[in-house]
Amino acid sequence: MSKGNFWGTPFGGFFDCNGDGQEDFGELWLAEQLFEDLSDWRSEVEDGSAYGLFPEDYATREAYEDALADAKRGQKTRHTRNGPPAE
């Protein structure tokens, strides 16, 4: 019987990539990254509609937040709900 480790198998072994029977830190990090990508970040970000920005128009939280920060500073963004800003 194996002694186990600190991490155990919180995901029931689903992320046990190396087959050692335990989910180690690296495997749990991978799980977190996958779940983070699957989470609906669009419902968690600041409302940018006052600037014409909408989260559903962005592939990533980072791109949306960068565009919102630019808009708040009065800079043109690379993408808005109606397409790229006029030059």
PDB file of N, CA and C in Angstrom:
ATOM      1  N   MET A   1       0.841  -1.173   0.000  1.00  0.00           N
ATOM      2  CA  MET A   1       0.000   0.000   0.000  1.00  0.00           C
ATOM      3  C   MET A   1       0.885   1.235   0.000  1.00  0.00           C
ATOM      4  N   SER A   2       0.585   2.171  -0.900  1.00  0.00           N
ATOM      5  CA  SER A   2       1.434   3.358  -0.991  1.00  0.00           C
ATOM      6  C   SER A   2       1.138   4.325   0.143  1.00  0.00           C
ATOM      7  N   LYS A   3       2.168   5.033   0.521  1.00  0.00           N
ATOM      8  CA  LYS A   3       2.077   5.962   1.638  1.00  0.00           C
ATOM      9  C   LYS A   3       1.334   7.230   1.246  1.00  0.00           C
ATOM     10  N   GLY A   4       1.362   7.610  -0.015  1.00  0.00           N
ATOM     11  CA  GLY A   4       0.712   8.841  -0.462  1.00  0.00           C
ATOM     12  C   GLY A   4       1.621  10.042  -0.266  1.00  0.00           C
ATOM     13  N   ASN A   5       1.131  11.179  -0.635  1.00  0.00           N
ATOM     14  CA  ASN A   5       1.902  12.395  -0.440  1.00  0.00           C
ATOM     15  C   ASN A   5       0.976  13.515   0.006  1.00  0.00           C
ATOM     16  N   PHE A   6       1.530  14.681   0.166  1.00  0.00           N
ATOM     17  CA  PHE A   6       0.776  15.835   0.636  1.00  0.00           C
ATOM     18  C   PHE A   6      -0.414  16.152  -0.262  1.00  0.00           C
ATOM     19  N   TRP A   7      -0.244  16.011  -1.553  1.00  0.00           N
ATOM     20  CA  TRP A   7      -1.282  16.422  -2.508  1.00  0.00           C
ATOM     21  C   TRP A   7      -2.418  15.419  -2.607  1.00  0.00           C
ATOM     22  N   GLY A   8      -2.136  14.140  -2.501  1.00  0.00           N
ATOM     23  CA  GLY A   8      -3.196  13.136  -2.620  1.00  0.00           C
ATOM     24  C   GLY A   8      -3.781  13.104  -4.019  1.00  0.00           C
ATOM     25  N   THR A   9      -5.068  12.838  -4.088  1.00  0.00           N
ATOM     26  CA  THR A   9      -5.744  12.806  -5.386  1.00  0.00           C
ATOM     27  C   THR A   9      -7.049  13.598  -5.303  1.00  0.00           C
ATOM     28  N   PRO A  10      -6.971  14.932  -5.236  1.00  0.00           N
ATOM     29  CA  PRO A  10      -8.186  15.732  -5.096  1.00  0.00           C
ATOM     30  C   PRO A  10      -9.127  15.625  -6.284  1.00  0.00           C
ATOM     31  N   PHE A  11      -8.609  15.243  -7.439  1.00  0.00           N
ATOM     32  CA  PHE A  11      -9.463  15.091  -8.621  1.00  0.00           C
ATOM     33  C   PHE A  11      -9.667  13.626  -8.959  1.00  0.00           C
ATOM     34  N   GLY A  12      -9.515  12.765  -7.975  1.00  0.00           N
ATOM     35  CA  GLY A  12      -9.750  11.339  -8.170  1.00  0.00           C
ATOM     36  C   GLY A  12      -8.769  10.684  -9.124  1.00  0.00           C
ATOM     37  N   GLY A  13      -7.600  11.276  -9.286  1.00  0.00           N
ATOM     38  CA  GLY A  13      -6.598  10.712 -10.174  1.00  0.00           C
ATOM     39  C   GLY A  13      -6.743  11.132 -11.622  1.00  0.00           C
ATOM     40  N   PHE A  14      -7.729  11.949 -11.931  1.00  0.00           N
ATOM     41  CA  PHE A  14      -7.961  12.351 -13.318  1.00  0.00           C
ATOM     42  C   PHE A  14      -6.754  13.059 -13.920  1.00  0.00           C
ATOM     43  N   PHE A  15      -6.044  13.844 -13.113  1.00  0.00           N
ATOM     44  CA  PHE A  15      -4.892  14.585 -13.613  1.00  0.00           C
ATOM     45  C   PHE A  15      -3.563  13.924 -13.248  1.00  0.00           C
ATOM     46  N   ASP A  16      -3.601  12.647 -12.926  1.00  0.00           N
ATOM     47  CA  ASP A  16      -2.382  11.896 -12.641  1.00  0.00           C
ATOM     48  C   ASP A  16      -1.705  11.549 -13.968  1.00  0.00           C
ATOM     49  N   CYS A  17      -1.017  12.521 -14.529  1.00  0.00           N
ATOM     50  CA  CYS A  17      -0.441  12.383 -15.870  1.00  0.00           C
ATOM     51  C   CYS A  17       0.686  11.356 -15.938  1.00  0.00           C
ATOM     52  N   ASN A  18       1.459  11.219 -14.872  1.00  0.00           N
ATOM     53  CA  ASN A  18       2.590  10.291 -14.918  1.00  0.00           C
ATOM     54  C   ASN A  18       2.248   8.900 -14.385  1.00  0.00           C
ATOM     55  N   GLY A  19       1.016   8.685 -13.962  1.00  0.00           N
ATOM     56  CA  GLY A  19       0.561   7.361 -13.557  1.00  0.00           C
ATOM     57  C   GLY A  19       1.138   6.844 -12.254  1.00  0.00           C
ATOM     58  N   ASP A  20       1.603   7.748 -11.375  1.00  0.00           N
ATOM     59  CA  ASP A  20       2.170   7.294 -10.109  1.00  0.00           C
ATOM     60  C   ASP A  20       1.127   7.134  -9.007  1.00  0.00           C
ATOM     61  N   GLY A  21      -0.138   7.352  -9.320  1.00  0.00           N
ATOM     62  CA  GLY A  21      -1.204   7.182  -8.345  1.00  0.00           C
ATOM     63  C   GLY A  21      -1.484   8.414  -7.513  1.00  0.00           C
ATOM     64  N   GLN A  22      -0.740   9.466  -7.724  1.00  0.00           N
ATOM     65  CA  GLN A  22      -0.920  10.706  -6.979  1.00  0.00           C
ATOM     66  C   GLN A  22      -0.952  11.881  -7.956  1.00  0.00           C
ATOM     67  N   GLU A  23      -1.636  12.936  -7.581  1.00  0.00           N
ATOM     68  CA  GLU A  23      -1.617  14.168  -8.369  1.00  0.00           C
ATOM     69  C   GLU A  23      -0.655  15.124  -7.671  1.00  0.00           C
ATOM     70  N   ASP A  24       0.507  15.358  -8.274  1.00  0.00           N
ATOM     71  CA  ASP A  24       1.502  16.223  -7.647  1.00  0.00           C
ATOM     72  C   ASP A  24       1.237  17.686  -7.995  1.00  0.00           C
ATOM     73  N   PHE A  25       2.105  18.562  -7.502  1.00  0.00           N
ATOM     74  CA  PHE A  25       1.913  19.996  -7.682  1.00  0.00           C
ATOM     75  C   PHE A  25       1.777  20.376  -9.161  1.00  0.00           C
ATOM     76  N   GLY A  26       2.634  19.851 -10.008  1.00  0.00           N
ATOM     77  CA  GLY A  26       2.593  20.171 -11.431  1.00  0.00           C
ATOM     78  C   GLY A  26       1.295  19.726 -12.083  1.00  0.00           C
ATOM     79  N   GLU A  27       0.822  18.567 -11.715  1.00  0.00           N
ATOM     80  CA  GLU A  27      -0.431  18.058 -12.273  1.00  0.00           C
ATOM     81  C   GLU A  27      -1.620  18.875 -11.779  1.00  0.00           C
ATOM     82  N   LEU A  28      -1.575  19.298 -10.519  1.00  0.00           N
ATOM     83  CA  LEU A  28      -2.649  20.142  -9.992  1.00  0.00           C
ATOM     84  C   LEU A  28      -2.613  21.531 -10.604  1.00  0.00           C
ATOM     85  N   TRP A  29      -1.401  22.021 -10.897  1.00  0.00           N
ATOM     86  CA  TRP A  29      -1.270  23.312 -11.574  1.00  0.00           C
ATOM     87  C   TRP A  29      -1.921  23.228 -12.956  1.00  0.00           C
ATOM     88  N   LEU A  30      -1.666  22.139 -13.667  1.00  0.00           N
ATOM     89  CA  LEU A  30      -2.279  21.929 -14.976  1.00  0.00           C
ATOM     90  C   LEU A  30      -3.799  21.922 -14.851  1.00  0.00           C
ATOM     91  N   ALA A  31      -4.319  21.249 -13.848  1.00  0.00           N
ATOM     92  CA  ALA A  31      -5.771  21.200 -13.627  1.00  0.00           C
ATOM     93  C   ALA A  31      -6.317  22.597 -13.393  1.00  0.00           C
ATOM     94  N   GLU A  32      -5.619  23.378 -12.580  1.00  0.00           N
ATOM     95  CA  GLU A  32      -6.077  24.734 -12.298  1.00  0.00           C
ATOM     96  C   GLU A  32      -6.103  25.582 -13.562  1.00  0.00           C
ATOM     97  N   GLN A  33      -5.074  25.450 -14.391  1.00  0.00           N
ATOM     98  CA  GLN A  33      -5.024  26.213 -15.636  1.00  0.00           C
ATOM     99  C   GLN A  33      -6.185  25.842 -16.559  1.00  0.00           C
ATOM    100  N   LEU A  34      -6.493  24.570 -16.646  1.00  0.00           N
ATOM    101  CA  LEU A  34      -7.606  24.131 -17.490  1.00  0.00           C
ATOM    102  C   LEU A  34      -8.933  24.645 -16.959  1.00  0.00           C
ATOM    103  N   PHE A  35      -9.135  24.562 -15.663  1.00  0.00           N
ATOM    104  CA  PHE A  35     -10.382  25.038 -15.084  1.00  0.00           C
ATOM    105  C   PHE A  35     -10.506  26.545 -15.189  1.00  0.00           C
ATOM    106  N   GLU A  36      -9.381  27.248 -15.059  1.00  0.00           N
ATOM    107  CA  GLU A  36      -9.406  28.704 -15.194  1.00  0.00           C
ATOM    108  C   GLU A  36      -9.813  29.094 -16.610  1.00  0.00           C
ATOM    109  N   ASP A  37      -9.290  28.364 -17.600  1.00  0.00           N
ATOM    110  CA  ASP A  37      -9.653  28.639 -18.986  1.00  0.00           C
ATOM    111  C   ASP A  37     -11.128  28.369 -19.246  1.00  0.00           C
ATOM    112  N   LEU A  38     -11.697  27.422 -18.524  1.00  0.00           N
ATOM    113  CA  LEU A  38     -13.095  27.060 -18.729  1.00  0.00           C
ATOM    114  C   LEU A  38     -14.062  27.934 -17.934  1.00  0.00           C
ATOM    115  N   SER A  39     -13.540  28.659 -16.943  1.00  0.00           N
ATOM    116  CA  SER A  39     -14.433  29.478 -16.122  1.00  0.00           C
ATOM    117  C   SER A  39     -14.950  30.657 -16.935  1.00  0.00           C
ATOM    118  N   ASP A  40     -16.085  31.151 -16.550  1.00  0.00           N
ATOM    119  CA  ASP A  40     -16.692  32.264 -17.272  1.00  0.00           C
ATOM    120  C   ASP A  40     -16.199  33.577 -16.680  1.00  0.00           C
ATOM    121  N   TRP A  41     -15.016  33.991 -17.096  1.00  0.00           N
ATOM    122  CA  TRP A  41     -14.428  35.224 -16.596  1.00  0.00           C
ATOM    123  C   TRP A  41     -15.240  36.439 -17.004  1.00  0.00           C
ATOM    124  N   ARG A  42     -16.036  36.322 -18.047  1.00  0.00           N
ATOM    125  CA  ARG A  42     -16.794  37.472 -18.552  1.00  0.00           C
ATOM    126  C   ARG A  42     -17.819  37.993 -17.545  1.00  0.00           C
ATOM    127  N   SER A  43     -18.283  37.130 -16.660  1.00  0.00           N
ATOM    128  CA  SER A  43     -19.247  37.573 -15.657  1.00  0.00           C
ATOM    129  C   SER A  43     -18.564  38.177 -14.431  1.00  0.00           C
ATOM    130  N   GLU A  44     -17.243  38.089 -14.382  1.00  0.00           N
ATOM    131  CA  GLU A  44     -16.501  38.551 -13.217  1.00  0.00           C
ATOM    132  C   GLU A  44     -15.781  39.877 -13.421  1.00  0.00           C
ATOM    133  N   VAL A  45     -15.717  40.382 -14.660  1.00  0.00           N
ATOM    134  CA  VAL A  45     -14.932  41.587 -14.931  1.00  0.00           C
ATOM    135  C   VAL A  45     -15.773  42.853 -14.806  1.00  0.00           C
ATOM    136  N   GLU A  46     -15.090  43.966 -14.724  1.00  0.00           N
ATOM    137  CA  GLU A  46     -15.737  45.263 -14.620  1.00  0.00           C
ATOM    138  C   GLU A  46     -16.534  45.575 -15.893  1.00  0.00           C
ATOM    139  N   ASP A  47     -17.661  46.224 -15.719  1.00  0.00           N
ATOM    140  CA  ASP A  47     -18.512  46.602 -16.851  1.00  0.00           C
ATOM    141  C   ASP A  47     -17.825  47.697 -17.672  1.00  0.00           C
ATOM    142  N   GLY A  48     -17.629  47.437 -18.949  1.00  0.00           N
ATOM    143  CA  GLY A  48     -16.977  48.416 -19.820  1.00  0.00           C
ATOM    144  C   GLY A  48     -17.914  49.017 -20.835  1.00  0.00           C
ATOM    145  N   SER A  49     -19.233  48.814 -20.661  1.00  0.00           N
ATOM    146  CA  SER A  49     -20.191  49.293 -21.668  1.00  0.00           C
ATOM    147  C   SER A  49     -20.171  50.818 -21.811  1.00  0.00           C
ATOM    148  N   ALA A  50     -19.797  51.533 -20.764  1.00  0.00           N
ATOM    149  CA  ALA A  50     -19.706  53.001 -20.851  1.00  0.00           C
ATOM    150  C   ALA A  50     -18.630  53.421 -21.845  1.00  0.00           C
ATOM    151  N   TYR A  51     -17.690  52.526 -22.104  1.00  0.00           N
ATOM    152  CA  TYR A  51     -16.611  52.796 -23.056  1.00  0.00           C
ATOM    153  C   TYR A  51     -16.838  52.077 -24.381  1.00  0.00           C
ATOM    154  N   GLY A  52     -17.982  51.429 -24.506  1.00  0.00           N
ATOM    155  CA  GLY A  52     -18.267  50.665 -25.725  1.00  0.00           C
ATOM    156  C   GLY A  52     -17.544  49.337 -25.783  1.00  0.00           C
ATOM    157  N   LEU A  53     -17.135  48.826 -24.633  1.00  0.00           N
ATOM    158  CA  LEU A  53     -16.411  47.554 -24.567  1.00  0.00           C
ATOM    159  C   LEU A  53     -17.290  46.493 -23.916  1.00  0.00           C
ATOM    160  N   PHE A  54     -17.257  45.305 -24.494  1.00  0.00           N
ATOM    161  CA  PHE A  54     -18.080  44.198 -24.013  1.00  0.00           C
ATOM    162  C   PHE A  54     -17.224  42.935 -23.929  1.00  0.00           C
ATOM    163  N   PRO A  55     -17.214  42.265 -22.789  1.00  0.00           N
ATOM    164  CA  PRO A  55     -16.350  41.087 -22.597  1.00  0.00           C
ATOM    165  C   PRO A  55     -16.542  39.998 -23.646  1.00  0.00           C
ATOM    166  N   GLU A  56     -17.757  39.837 -24.139  1.00  0.00           N
ATOM    167  CA  GLU A  56     -17.984  38.762 -25.116  1.00  0.00           C
ATOM    168  C   GLU A  56     -17.256  38.986 -26.434  1.00  0.00           C
ATOM    169  N   ASP A  57     -16.723  40.189 -26.626  1.00  0.00           N
ATOM    170  CA  ASP A  57     -15.964  40.477 -27.837  1.00  0.00           C
ATOM    171  C   ASP A  57     -14.485  40.134 -27.706  1.00  0.00           C
ATOM    172  N   TYR A  58     -14.074  39.625 -26.565  1.00  0.00           N
ATOM    173  CA  TYR A  58     -12.668  39.345 -26.306  1.00  0.00           C
ATOM    174  C   TYR A  58     -12.464  37.884 -25.973  1.00  0.00           C
ATOM    175  N   ALA A  59     -11.364  37.333 -26.453  1.00  0.00           N
ATOM    176  CA  ALA A  59     -11.056  35.925 -26.219  1.00  0.00           C
ATOM    177  C   ALA A  59     -10.500  35.680 -24.822  1.00  0.00           C
ATOM    178  N   THR A  60      -9.822  36.688 -24.252  1.00  0.00           N
ATOM    179  CA  THR A  60      -9.215  36.495 -22.946  1.00  0.00           C
ATOM    180  C   THR A  60      -9.535  37.652 -22.010  1.00  0.00           C
ATOM    181  N   ARG A  61      -9.472  37.364 -20.727  1.00  0.00           N
ATOM    182  CA  ARG A  61      -9.668  38.393 -19.699  1.00  0.00           C
ATOM    183  C   ARG A  61      -8.609  39.480 -19.846  1.00  0.00           C
ATOM    184  N   GLU A  62      -7.380  39.061 -20.098  1.00  0.00           N
ATOM    185  CA  GLU A  62      -6.275  40.011 -20.210  1.00  0.00           C
ATOM    186  C   GLU A  62      -6.507  41.005 -21.347  1.00  0.00           C
ATOM    187  N   ALA A  63      -6.944  40.529 -22.500  1.00  0.00           N
ATOM    188  CA  ALA A  63      -7.190  41.419 -23.640  1.00  0.00           C
ATOM    189  C   ALA A  63      -8.307  42.415 -23.319  1.00  0.00           C
ATOM    190  N   TYR A  64      -9.368  41.936 -22.674  1.00  0.00           N
ATOM    191  CA  TYR A  64     -10.472  42.815 -22.308  1.00  0.00           C
ATOM    192  C   TYR A  64     -10.022  43.865 -21.298  1.00  0.00           C
ATOM    193  N   GLU A  65      -9.315  43.429 -20.256  1.00  0.00           N
ATOM    194  CA  GLU A  65      -8.872  44.362 -19.231  1.00  0.00           C
ATOM    195  C   GLU A  65      -7.868  45.376 -19.776  1.00  0.00           C
ATOM    196  N   ASP A  66      -7.016  44.953 -20.716  1.00  0.00           N
ATOM    197  CA  ASP A  66      -6.092  45.890 -21.364  1.00  0.00           C
ATOM    198  C   ASP A  66      -6.868  46.939 -22.156  1.00  0.00           C
ATOM    199  N   ALA A  67      -7.867  46.505 -22.900  1.00  0.00           N
ATOM    200  CA  ALA A  67      -8.675  47.433 -23.696  1.00  0.00           C
ATOM    201  C   ALA A  67      -9.442  48.389 -22.779  1.00  0.00           C
ATOM    202  N   LEU A  68      -9.960  47.887 -21.673  1.00  0.00           N
ATOM    203  CA  LEU A  68     -10.691  48.727 -20.733  1.00  0.00           C
ATOM    204  C   LEU A  68      -9.759  49.757 -20.089  1.00  0.00           C
ATOM    205  N   ALA A  69      -8.554  49.335 -19.732  1.00  0.00           N
ATOM    206  CA  ALA A  69      -7.581  50.268 -19.153  1.00  0.00           C
ATOM    207  C   ALA A  69      -7.215  51.346 -20.162  1.00  0.00           C
ATOM    208  N   ASP A  70      -7.023  50.959 -21.425  1.00  0.00           N
ATOM    209  CA  ASP A  70      -6.737  51.929 -22.484  1.00  0.00           C
ATOM    210  C   ASP A  70      -7.887  52.912 -22.635  1.00  0.00           C
ATOM    211  N   ALA A  71      -9.102  52.409 -22.620  1.00  0.00           N
ATOM    212  CA  ALA A  71     -10.277  53.268 -22.781  1.00  0.00           C
ATOM    213  C   ALA A  71     -10.394  54.261 -21.626  1.00  0.00           C
ATOM    214  N   LYS A  72     -10.089  53.803 -20.431  1.00  0.00           N
ATOM    215  CA  LYS A  72     -10.159  54.689 -19.271  1.00  0.00           C
ATOM    216  C   LYS A  72      -9.119  55.801 -19.354  1.00  0.00           C
ATOM    217  N   ARG A  73      -7.987  55.504 -19.984  1.00  0.00           N
ATOM    218  CA  ARG A  73      -6.941  56.509 -20.158  1.00  0.00           C
ATOM    219  C   ARG A  73      -7.196  57.383 -21.391  1.00  0.00           C
ATOM    220  N   GLY A  74      -8.266  57.094 -22.115  1.00  0.00           N
ATOM    221  CA  GLY A  74      -8.605  57.880 -23.287  1.00  0.00           C
ATOM    222  C   GLY A  74      -7.878  57.459 -24.550  1.00  0.00           C
ATOM    223  N   GLN A  75      -7.241  56.301 -24.500  1.00  0.00           N
ATOM    224  CA  GLN A  75      -6.539  55.801 -25.677  1.00  0.00           C
ATOM    225  C   GLN A  75      -7.481  54.959 -26.517  1.00  0.00           C
ATOM    226  N   LYS A  76      -7.213  54.928 -27.800  1.00  0.00           N
ATOM    227  CA  LYS A  76      -8.003  54.076 -28.690  1.00  0.00           C
ATOM    228  C   LYS A  76      -7.680  52.622 -28.409  1.00  0.00           C
ATOM    229  N   THR A  77      -8.695  51.793 -28.468  1.00  0.00           N
ATOM    230  CA  THR A  77      -8.484  50.364 -28.274  1.00  0.00           C
ATOM    231  C   THR A  77      -8.370  49.691 -29.632  1.00  0.00           C
ATOM    232  N   ARG A  78      -7.823  48.488 -29.601  1.00  0.00           N
ATOM    233  CA  ARG A  78      -7.653  47.744 -30.850  1.00  0.00           C
ATOM    234  C   ARG A  78      -8.959  47.134 -31.333  1.00  0.00           C
ATOM    235  N   HIS A  79      -9.929  47.008 -30.437  1.00  0.00           N
ATOM    236  CA  HIS A  79     -11.166  46.334 -30.820  1.00  0.00           C
ATOM    237  C   HIS A  79     -12.299  46.813 -29.935  1.00  0.00           C
ATOM    238  N   THR A  80     -13.437  47.080 -30.514  1.00  0.00           N
ATOM    239  CA  THR A  80     -14.636  47.421 -29.760  1.00  0.00           C
ATOM    240  C   THR A  80     -15.775  46.561 -30.281  1.00  0.00           C
ATOM    241  N   ARG A  81     -16.946  46.738 -29.708  1.00  0.00           N
ATOM    242  CA  ARG A  81     -18.109  45.952 -30.125  1.00  0.00           C
ATOM    243  C   ARG A  81     -18.409  46.159 -31.611  1.00  0.00           C
ATOM    244  N   ASN A  82     -18.136  47.332 -32.120  1.00  0.00           N
ATOM    245  CA  ASN A  82     -18.428  47.636 -33.529  1.00  0.00           C
ATOM    246  C   ASN A  82     -17.217  47.475 -34.426  1.00  0.00           C
ATOM    247  N   GLY A  83     -16.197  46.795 -33.961  1.00  0.00           N
ATOM    248  CA  GLY A  83     -15.005  46.573 -34.765  1.00  0.00           C
ATOM    249  C   GLY A  83     -13.892  47.500 -34.351  1.00  0.00           C
ATOM    250  N   PRO A  84     -12.798  47.509 -35.101  1.00  0.00           N
ATOM    251  CA  PRO A  84     -11.652  48.346 -34.759  1.00  0.00           C
ATOM    252  C   PRO A  84     -12.013  49.823 -34.794  1.00  0.00           C
ATOM    253  N   PRO A  85     -11.380  50.630 -33.948  1.00  0.00           N
ATOM    254  CA  PRO A  85     -11.677  52.064 -33.955  1.00  0.00           C
ATOM    255  C   PRO A  85     -11.246  52.722 -35.257  1.00  0.00           C
ATOM    256  N   ALA A  86     -11.925  53.789 -35.619  1.00  0.00           N
ATOM    257  CA  ALA A  86     -11.564  54.515 -36.842  1.00  0.00           C
ATOM    258  C   ALA A  86     -10.234  55.201 -36.633  1.00  0.00           C
ATOM    259  N   GLU A  87      -9.413  55.175 -37.628  1.00  0.00           N
ATOM    260  CA  GLU A  87      -8.095  55.817 -37.543  1.00  0.00           C
ATOM    261  C   GLU A  87      -8.173  57.258 -37.943  1.00  0.00           C
TER     262      GLU A  87
END
